Protein backbone atom coordinates (compact mmCIF):
# COMPACT_ATOMS: atom_id res chain seq x y z
CA MET A 1 -5.61 -46.69 -15.61
CA GLU A 2 -2.46 -47.13 -13.55
CA PHE A 3 -2.87 -43.63 -12.13
CA LEU A 4 -6.49 -44.27 -11.10
CA LEU A 5 -5.47 -47.51 -9.38
CA SER A 6 -2.65 -45.69 -7.56
CA LEU A 7 -5.07 -42.94 -6.56
CA LYS A 8 -7.53 -45.49 -5.17
CA ILE A 9 -4.80 -47.22 -3.15
CA ALA A 10 -3.50 -43.84 -1.91
CA LEU A 11 -6.96 -42.76 -0.72
CA ARG A 12 -7.44 -46.09 1.07
CA ALA A 13 -4.06 -45.70 2.80
CA LEU A 14 -4.90 -42.16 3.94
CA ARG A 15 -8.31 -43.25 5.28
CA THR A 16 -6.69 -46.10 7.20
CA ASN A 17 -4.52 -43.67 9.18
CA LYS A 18 -6.72 -40.56 9.40
CA MET A 19 -5.02 -38.94 12.39
CA ARG A 20 -1.52 -39.51 11.04
CA SER A 21 -2.59 -38.20 7.63
CA PHE A 22 -4.01 -35.05 9.22
CA LEU A 23 -0.90 -34.42 11.31
CA THR A 24 1.21 -34.96 8.18
CA MET A 25 -0.85 -32.36 6.30
CA LEU A 26 -0.74 -29.88 9.18
CA GLY A 27 2.56 -28.34 8.13
CA ILE A 28 1.26 -27.81 4.57
CA ILE A 29 -2.05 -26.42 5.89
CA ILE A 30 -0.27 -23.89 8.10
CA GLY A 31 2.21 -22.99 5.34
CA ILE A 32 -0.42 -22.36 2.66
CA ALA A 33 -2.66 -20.44 5.08
CA ALA A 34 0.29 -18.30 6.21
CA VAL A 35 1.40 -17.53 2.65
CA ILE A 36 -2.07 -16.48 1.51
CA ALA A 37 -2.80 -14.42 4.65
CA MET A 38 0.60 -12.71 4.67
CA VAL A 39 0.47 -11.84 0.97
CA ALA A 40 -3.08 -10.51 1.43
CA ILE A 41 -1.95 -8.29 4.32
CA GLY A 42 1.10 -7.08 2.39
CA SER A 43 -0.99 -6.41 -0.73
CA GLY A 44 -3.43 -4.45 1.42
CA ALA A 45 -0.55 -2.29 2.65
CA SER A 46 0.56 -1.71 -0.95
CA ARG A 47 -3.00 -0.73 -1.89
CA ILE A 48 -3.09 1.80 0.97
CA ILE A 49 0.13 3.41 -0.22
CA SER A 50 -1.04 3.42 -3.84
CA ASP A 51 -4.28 5.14 -2.82
CA GLN A 52 -2.35 7.68 -0.75
CA ILE A 53 -0.04 8.37 -3.68
CA ALA A 54 -3.04 8.86 -5.96
CA SER A 55 -4.62 11.22 -3.40
CA ILE A 56 -1.63 13.59 -3.58
CA GLY A 57 -1.73 13.98 -7.35
CA SER A 58 0.51 13.00 -10.24
CA ASN A 59 3.72 14.53 -11.63
CA ILE A 60 4.13 16.77 -8.58
CA LEU A 61 7.06 18.95 -7.51
CA LEU A 62 7.03 20.69 -4.14
CA VAL A 63 8.93 23.96 -3.84
CA LEU A 64 9.78 24.90 -0.23
CA PRO A 65 11.39 28.03 1.25
CA GLY A 66 15.06 27.79 2.17
CA SER A 67 16.89 27.75 5.46
CA ARG A 68 18.56 30.55 7.37
CA THR A 69 21.22 30.99 10.04
CA SER A 70 20.42 32.86 13.25
CA GLY A 71 22.93 33.33 16.07
CA GLY A 72 25.22 30.71 14.59
CA ILE A 73 22.37 28.19 14.47
CA ARG A 74 21.28 26.98 11.06
CA LEU A 75 17.51 26.58 10.92
CA GLY A 76 15.75 24.08 8.66
CA HIS A 77 13.92 24.44 5.36
CA GLY A 78 10.89 26.71 5.53
CA SER A 79 12.35 28.91 8.27
CA THR A 80 12.70 31.88 5.88
CA PRO A 81 9.78 33.20 3.76
CA THR A 82 11.66 33.31 0.45
CA LEU A 83 8.82 32.23 -1.87
CA THR A 84 6.13 34.61 -3.11
CA TYR A 85 2.85 34.55 -4.98
CA ASP A 86 4.70 36.20 -7.88
CA ASP A 87 7.14 33.27 -7.98
CA ALA A 88 4.22 30.91 -8.53
CA LYS A 89 2.84 33.09 -11.33
CA ALA A 90 6.27 33.22 -12.99
CA ILE A 91 6.70 29.42 -12.77
CA ARG A 92 3.36 28.93 -14.49
CA ALA A 93 4.09 31.50 -17.19
CA GLU A 94 7.79 30.92 -17.95
CA CYS A 95 8.40 27.17 -17.52
CA PRO A 96 7.25 25.30 -20.66
CA SER A 97 7.20 21.90 -18.93
CA VAL A 98 4.95 23.13 -16.10
CA ALA A 99 1.18 22.74 -16.39
CA LEU A 100 0.10 24.28 -13.07
CA ALA A 101 1.69 26.11 -10.14
CA ALA A 102 -0.29 26.40 -6.90
CA PRO A 103 0.98 28.60 -4.05
CA VAL A 104 -0.12 27.62 -0.54
CA VAL A 105 -0.23 29.41 2.82
CA ARG A 106 -0.89 27.12 5.76
CA GLY A 107 -1.82 27.65 9.40
CA GLY A 108 -4.06 26.33 12.14
CA ALA A 109 -7.21 27.84 13.63
CA GLN A 110 -10.28 27.14 15.72
CA VAL A 111 -13.34 27.07 13.47
CA VAL A 112 -16.69 27.83 15.14
CA TYR A 113 -20.28 27.29 13.99
CA GLY A 114 -23.06 28.00 16.49
CA ASN A 115 -22.16 26.16 19.68
CA MET A 116 -19.82 23.75 17.84
CA ASN A 117 -16.08 24.32 17.35
CA TRP A 118 -13.25 22.35 15.77
CA SER A 119 -9.47 22.87 15.63
CA THR A 120 -8.25 22.28 12.10
CA ALA A 121 -5.73 23.23 9.42
CA VAL A 122 -6.53 26.34 7.38
CA MET A 123 -4.94 26.67 3.96
CA GLY A 124 -4.89 29.69 1.67
CA ILE A 125 -4.99 28.47 -1.93
CA THR A 126 -5.78 29.40 -5.50
CA PRO A 127 -8.07 27.37 -7.81
CA GLU A 128 -4.96 25.70 -9.29
CA TYR A 129 -4.30 23.90 -6.00
CA LEU A 130 -7.38 21.71 -6.30
CA MET A 131 -6.51 20.98 -9.93
CA VAL A 132 -2.98 19.91 -8.98
CA ARG A 133 -4.32 17.69 -6.19
CA ASP A 134 -7.15 16.37 -8.40
CA TRP A 135 -9.52 17.24 -5.57
CA ARG A 136 -13.16 17.79 -6.46
CA VAL A 137 -15.79 19.97 -4.82
CA VAL A 138 -18.76 17.59 -4.44
CA GLU A 139 -21.20 20.10 -2.94
CA GLY A 140 -21.31 23.79 -3.89
CA ARG A 141 -18.55 25.41 -5.94
CA ASP A 142 -14.86 26.33 -6.00
CA PHE A 143 -13.26 29.77 -5.62
CA SER A 144 -12.91 31.99 -8.66
CA GLN A 145 -9.66 33.81 -9.40
CA ALA A 146 -11.50 37.10 -8.81
CA GLU A 147 -12.40 35.93 -5.28
CA VAL A 148 -8.76 35.07 -4.65
CA GLU A 149 -7.51 38.49 -5.80
CA GLY A 150 -10.35 40.26 -3.96
CA ALA A 151 -9.55 38.47 -0.66
CA VAL A 152 -13.20 37.56 -0.13
CA LYS A 153 -14.21 35.67 3.00
CA ASN A 154 -15.51 32.45 1.47
CA CYS A 155 -14.29 28.97 2.37
CA LEU A 156 -14.34 25.32 1.33
CA ILE A 157 -14.40 22.65 4.03
CA GLY A 158 -13.18 19.06 4.11
CA ARG A 159 -15.40 16.13 5.05
CA THR A 160 -14.00 15.79 8.57
CA VAL A 161 -14.69 19.46 9.34
CA ALA A 162 -18.19 19.21 7.84
CA GLU A 163 -19.04 16.17 9.98
CA ASN A 164 -17.74 17.67 13.21
CA LEU A 165 -19.24 21.15 12.79
CA PHE A 166 -22.49 20.45 10.97
CA GLY A 167 -23.31 16.77 11.46
CA ALA A 168 -26.29 15.99 9.21
CA GLU A 169 -27.00 19.68 8.54
CA ASP A 170 -26.30 21.14 5.08
CA PRO A 171 -23.23 23.42 5.46
CA LEU A 172 -23.65 25.34 2.18
CA GLY A 173 -24.34 29.03 2.73
CA LYS A 174 -23.68 28.83 6.49
CA ILE A 175 -21.36 31.27 8.25
CA VAL A 176 -18.42 29.91 10.26
CA ARG A 177 -15.89 31.91 12.26
CA VAL A 178 -12.20 31.37 11.58
CA GLN A 179 -10.06 33.31 14.06
CA LYS A 180 -13.16 35.43 14.83
CA LEU A 181 -13.60 36.35 11.15
CA PRO A 182 -16.87 35.29 9.45
CA PHE A 183 -16.56 33.05 6.39
CA MET A 184 -19.33 31.70 4.18
CA VAL A 185 -19.13 28.00 3.30
CA ILE A 186 -19.45 27.79 -0.49
CA GLY A 187 -18.33 24.19 -1.02
CA VAL A 188 -17.62 20.79 0.55
CA MET A 189 -14.66 18.75 -0.68
CA ASP A 190 -14.66 15.13 -1.77
CA ARG A 191 -13.14 12.69 0.71
CA LYS A 192 -9.37 12.20 0.34
CA GLY A 193 -8.46 9.96 3.28
CA ARG A 194 -5.08 9.62 4.92
CA SER A 195 -1.85 11.07 3.58
CA PRO A 196 1.32 8.93 3.30
CA GLN A 197 2.38 10.50 6.62
CA GLY A 198 -0.86 9.34 8.27
CA SER A 199 -2.57 12.73 8.67
CA ASP A 200 -6.26 13.25 7.84
CA GLN A 201 -6.36 15.19 4.57
CA ASP A 202 -10.08 15.90 5.02
CA ASP A 203 -9.49 17.83 8.25
CA VAL A 204 -8.97 21.16 6.46
CA VAL A 205 -10.57 24.49 5.61
CA PHE A 206 -9.59 26.18 2.33
CA VAL A 207 -9.77 29.97 1.98
CA PRO A 208 -8.63 32.25 -0.89
CA LEU A 209 -4.87 32.81 -0.85
CA ARG A 210 -5.08 36.61 -0.56
CA THR A 211 -7.56 36.28 2.30
CA ALA A 212 -5.14 34.06 4.21
CA GLN A 213 -2.21 36.40 3.52
CA ARG A 214 -3.95 39.67 4.42
CA LYS A 215 -6.58 38.75 7.00
CA LEU A 216 -5.72 35.47 8.69
CA PHE A 217 -1.96 34.92 8.72
CA GLY A 218 -0.57 38.41 8.35
CA SER A 219 3.22 38.80 8.50
CA GLN A 220 5.97 41.28 7.72
CA PHE A 221 6.19 39.61 4.30
CA PRO A 222 2.62 40.06 3.02
CA ASN A 223 3.20 38.44 -0.40
CA SER A 224 5.05 35.36 0.86
CA VAL A 225 3.73 31.81 0.58
CA GLY A 226 4.58 28.70 2.55
CA SER A 227 5.13 26.43 -0.46
CA ILE A 228 4.36 26.04 -4.16
CA MET A 229 2.99 22.82 -5.62
CA VAL A 230 3.99 22.40 -9.26
CA GLN A 231 2.48 19.93 -11.69
CA ALA A 232 4.49 18.93 -14.75
CA ARG A 233 2.71 18.45 -18.07
CA SER A 234 3.51 14.73 -18.03
CA GLU A 235 5.59 12.20 -16.16
CA GLN A 236 8.24 12.46 -18.90
CA ASP A 237 8.43 16.23 -18.34
CA LEU A 238 8.94 15.95 -14.57
CA ALA A 239 12.75 16.09 -14.55
CA ARG A 240 12.73 18.90 -17.14
CA ALA A 241 10.17 20.84 -15.10
CA GLU A 242 12.30 20.46 -11.98
CA GLU A 243 15.31 21.87 -13.82
CA GLN A 244 13.31 24.77 -15.30
CA VAL A 245 11.77 25.72 -11.93
CA THR A 246 15.18 25.62 -10.25
CA MET A 247 16.82 27.80 -12.91
CA LEU A 248 13.95 30.31 -12.89
CA LEU A 249 13.95 30.74 -9.10
CA LEU A 250 17.75 31.09 -9.02
CA GLN A 251 17.40 33.89 -11.54
CA ARG A 252 14.44 35.58 -9.81
CA HIS A 253 16.10 35.43 -6.39
CA ARG A 254 19.44 36.65 -7.81
CA ILE A 255 21.43 33.68 -6.55
CA GLY A 256 24.75 33.43 -8.33
CA PRO A 257 27.00 30.41 -8.96
CA GLY A 258 28.46 28.89 -5.81
CA ARG A 259 25.81 30.37 -3.52
CA GLU A 260 23.33 28.18 -1.65
CA PRO A 261 19.74 28.44 -3.00
CA ASP A 262 17.13 29.92 -0.67
CA PHE A 263 14.59 27.28 -1.75
CA THR A 264 14.31 23.53 -2.20
CA VAL A 265 12.60 21.63 -5.03
CA ARG A 266 11.44 18.13 -4.12
CA ASN A 267 10.17 15.50 -6.52
CA LEU A 268 7.27 13.90 -4.65
CA SER A 269 6.84 11.15 -7.22
CA GLU A 270 10.31 9.80 -6.50
CA LEU A 271 9.76 9.84 -2.74
CA LEU A 272 6.41 8.11 -3.02
CA ASP A 273 7.78 5.53 -5.49
CA VAL A 274 10.37 4.59 -2.87
CA ALA A 275 7.60 4.11 -0.30
CA GLU A 276 5.59 1.95 -2.71
CA GLN A 277 8.62 -0.19 -3.60
CA SER A 278 9.36 -0.67 0.11
CA SER A 279 5.80 -1.84 0.66
CA LYS A 280 6.03 -4.33 -2.22
CA ALA A 281 9.37 -5.62 -0.90
CA MET A 282 7.80 -6.10 2.54
CA SER A 283 4.91 -8.03 0.96
CA LEU A 284 7.35 -10.35 -0.84
CA LEU A 285 9.35 -10.76 2.38
CA LEU A 286 6.23 -11.75 4.32
CA GLY A 287 5.36 -14.30 1.64
CA ALA A 288 8.91 -15.67 1.61
CA VAL A 289 8.99 -16.06 5.40
CA ALA A 290 5.62 -17.82 5.35
CA SER A 291 6.88 -20.12 2.58
CA ILE A 292 9.48 -21.55 4.95
CA SER A 293 6.68 -23.36 6.79
CA LEU A 294 5.85 -25.09 3.48
CA ILE A 295 9.40 -26.48 3.35
CA VAL A 296 9.06 -27.64 6.96
CA GLY A 297 5.74 -29.28 6.08
CA GLY A 298 7.38 -31.01 3.12
CA ILE A 299 10.10 -32.42 5.36
CA GLY A 300 7.39 -33.72 7.68
CA ILE A 301 5.69 -35.45 4.76
CA MET A 302 8.97 -37.09 3.72
CA ASN A 303 9.56 -38.40 7.24
CA ILE A 304 6.05 -39.83 7.57
CA MET A 305 6.26 -41.39 4.11
CA LEU A 306 9.55 -43.08 5.08
CA VAL A 307 7.83 -44.49 8.16
CA SER A 308 4.95 -45.63 5.96
CA VAL A 309 7.35 -47.40 3.61
CA THR A 310 8.88 -49.23 6.54
CA GLU A 311 5.47 -50.25 7.92
CA ARG A 312 4.21 -51.42 4.54
CA THR A 313 7.32 -53.25 3.39
CA ARG A 314 5.53 -56.62 3.39
CA GLU A 315 2.63 -55.12 1.40
CA ILE A 316 5.11 -53.82 -1.17
CA GLY A 317 6.70 -57.26 -1.42
CA ILE A 318 3.30 -58.89 -2.03
CA ARG A 319 2.42 -56.36 -4.76
CA MET A 320 5.75 -56.96 -6.48
CA ALA A 321 5.31 -60.75 -6.19
CA ILE A 322 1.97 -60.64 -8.04
CA GLY A 323 3.37 -58.52 -10.89
CA ALA A 324 3.60 -54.89 -9.79
CA LYS A 325 6.55 -53.11 -11.43
CA GLN A 326 8.88 -50.59 -9.81
CA ARG A 327 7.10 -47.70 -11.55
CA ASP A 328 3.77 -48.90 -10.06
CA ILE A 329 5.18 -48.76 -6.52
CA LEU A 330 6.85 -45.41 -7.26
CA LEU A 331 3.60 -43.96 -8.61
CA GLN A 332 1.62 -45.30 -5.62
CA PHE A 333 3.74 -43.62 -2.95
CA LEU A 334 4.28 -40.48 -5.01
CA THR A 335 0.50 -40.19 -5.46
CA GLU A 336 0.05 -40.47 -1.68
CA ALA A 337 2.55 -37.69 -1.04
CA VAL A 338 1.01 -35.35 -3.65
CA LEU A 339 -2.50 -36.14 -2.41
CA LEU A 340 -1.48 -35.21 1.13
CA THR A 341 -0.08 -31.85 0.00
CA LEU A 342 -3.00 -31.03 -2.29
CA ILE A 343 -5.64 -31.81 0.35
CA GLY A 344 -3.59 -29.80 2.84
CA GLY A 345 -3.31 -27.04 0.24
CA VAL A 346 -7.10 -26.81 -0.18
CA ILE A 347 -7.66 -26.66 3.59
CA GLY A 348 -4.83 -24.12 3.97
CA MET A 349 -6.24 -22.01 1.14
CA LEU A 350 -9.64 -21.81 2.86
CA LEU A 351 -8.03 -21.01 6.23
CA GLY A 352 -5.76 -18.38 4.65
CA VAL A 353 -8.68 -16.55 2.99
CA ALA A 354 -10.69 -16.75 6.23
CA GLY A 355 -7.70 -15.50 8.24
CA ALA A 356 -7.17 -12.53 5.91
CA LYS A 357 -10.84 -11.55 6.19
CA LEU A 358 -10.68 -11.93 9.98
CA VAL A 359 -7.68 -9.58 10.15
CA ALA A 360 -9.57 -7.06 8.01
CA GLN A 361 -12.59 -7.14 10.31
CA VAL A 362 -10.88 -7.27 13.71
CA PHE A 363 -7.97 -4.88 13.08
CA GLN A 364 -9.65 -2.74 10.40
CA TRP A 365 -6.69 -3.44 8.11
CA PRO A 366 -7.55 -3.67 4.43
CA THR A 367 -6.45 -6.96 2.91
CA LEU A 368 -6.31 -7.88 -0.76
CA ILE A 369 -6.84 -11.54 -1.63
CA SER A 370 -4.60 -12.35 -4.57
CA PHE A 371 -5.83 -15.22 -6.75
CA LYS A 372 -2.36 -15.33 -8.25
CA ALA A 373 -0.90 -15.91 -4.78
CA ILE A 374 -3.49 -18.65 -4.15
CA ALA A 375 -2.62 -20.36 -7.44
CA VAL A 376 1.14 -20.10 -6.79
CA ALA A 377 0.77 -21.39 -3.20
CA PHE A 378 -1.43 -24.28 -4.34
CA GLY A 379 0.95 -25.18 -7.17
CA PHE A 380 3.91 -24.91 -4.80
CA SER A 381 2.23 -27.33 -2.38
CA GLY A 382 1.94 -29.89 -5.21
CA ALA A 383 5.60 -29.33 -6.07
CA VAL A 384 6.53 -29.88 -2.41
CA GLY A 385 4.65 -33.18 -2.47
CA ILE A 386 6.52 -34.36 -5.57
CA PHE A 387 9.91 -33.17 -4.32
CA PHE A 388 9.72 -34.54 -0.78
CA GLY A 389 7.69 -37.60 -1.74
CA PHE A 390 10.06 -38.77 -4.45
CA TYR A 391 12.77 -40.12 -2.12
CA PRO A 392 10.40 -42.30 -0.03
CA ALA A 393 8.65 -43.46 -3.21
CA ARG A 394 11.99 -44.27 -4.82
CA LYS A 395 13.05 -46.16 -1.72
CA ALA A 396 9.84 -48.21 -1.77
CA ALA A 397 10.22 -48.99 -5.49
CA SER A 398 13.84 -50.12 -4.98
CA LEU A 399 13.00 -52.77 -2.37
CA ASN A 400 13.94 -56.36 -3.23
CA PRO A 401 10.70 -58.38 -3.44
CA ILE A 402 12.14 -61.38 -1.57
CA ASP A 403 13.56 -59.21 1.25
CA ALA A 404 10.28 -57.32 1.43
CA LEU A 405 8.27 -60.54 1.80
CA ARG A 406 10.59 -61.72 4.61
CA TYR A 407 10.27 -58.40 6.47
CA GLU A 408 8.53 -58.67 9.86
């Protein structure tokens, strides 16, 4: 009953000074809206990175060729073709913790169909590559191992290539020219989207590995490959697989103790986990920075409530004179402060959700509205009202009734 009476008095006081009440709530409105919008933007960034991580595959190791020194200049990783197709076969056969090993040869080429042409990445692969990447063929079929070994001129194309070369036309069975060689399109890949580095993964043409080695990207090392993607049997086997691959390649390449390896094994899961953790930390940072405005709004509420106590000193004295206790006065002013923050919280919540959706539409940035963030922000606004409203309410409740009645 006392609470309902205090609520009624608080609502009447807020209606009496509408403009001042709105300006008091403004800090809370901006704070809640900023927290919700910032967390939504940060969560959207985390979702992008998570999707990109999923698009690469799980439990992945990347084996790269080593470096070399020429004329006193040490060149970077990949400058020497030290990895071979046979290395990939050996990794698959001799490393118990490895599920799949997919050698890759990569280059660029102009792909032509009729009067249309498109510059894209061309990758020589085996069927294991698509299994490692968890990449499906949605139209047509994949290569067979016999086609890889026979160096046939078939190809799979990504969605970006299909759209730019064929438009609405069905690409299956059509002949495209890659470096003036005719290739039959036997499949179209599912859409993968952007990589963590920002490149378009769908802008690619896949050809059999042996075809790329012998007919497209010939070199003085005909069996060499540009990299080997290795998939461990499970996440728990990843470190063991990395150790087994390293030991096997050291043995196959006859690299003794103390000598620098001519290859590099990278754990992609660790690198991508770092990127995901950085994104989550940025999301928390954005939310924390936006929360500062809530503190500022709370200070504004405390100042206005102190002014209100001063203005209503005579009213407080009258209420005390007719029997109101200190806890009644305390509850009245505390209710006003909490009511201000909660109303501001509701308005800020609506503005924050609208702002996040506006960012998504205008800037094409995916945002993720978190109901947990909304609940936390709304609860925090109530806590701000109690914390910053307590001192003015306590001051009002501590007034001497006689002094309050004399106040002019």
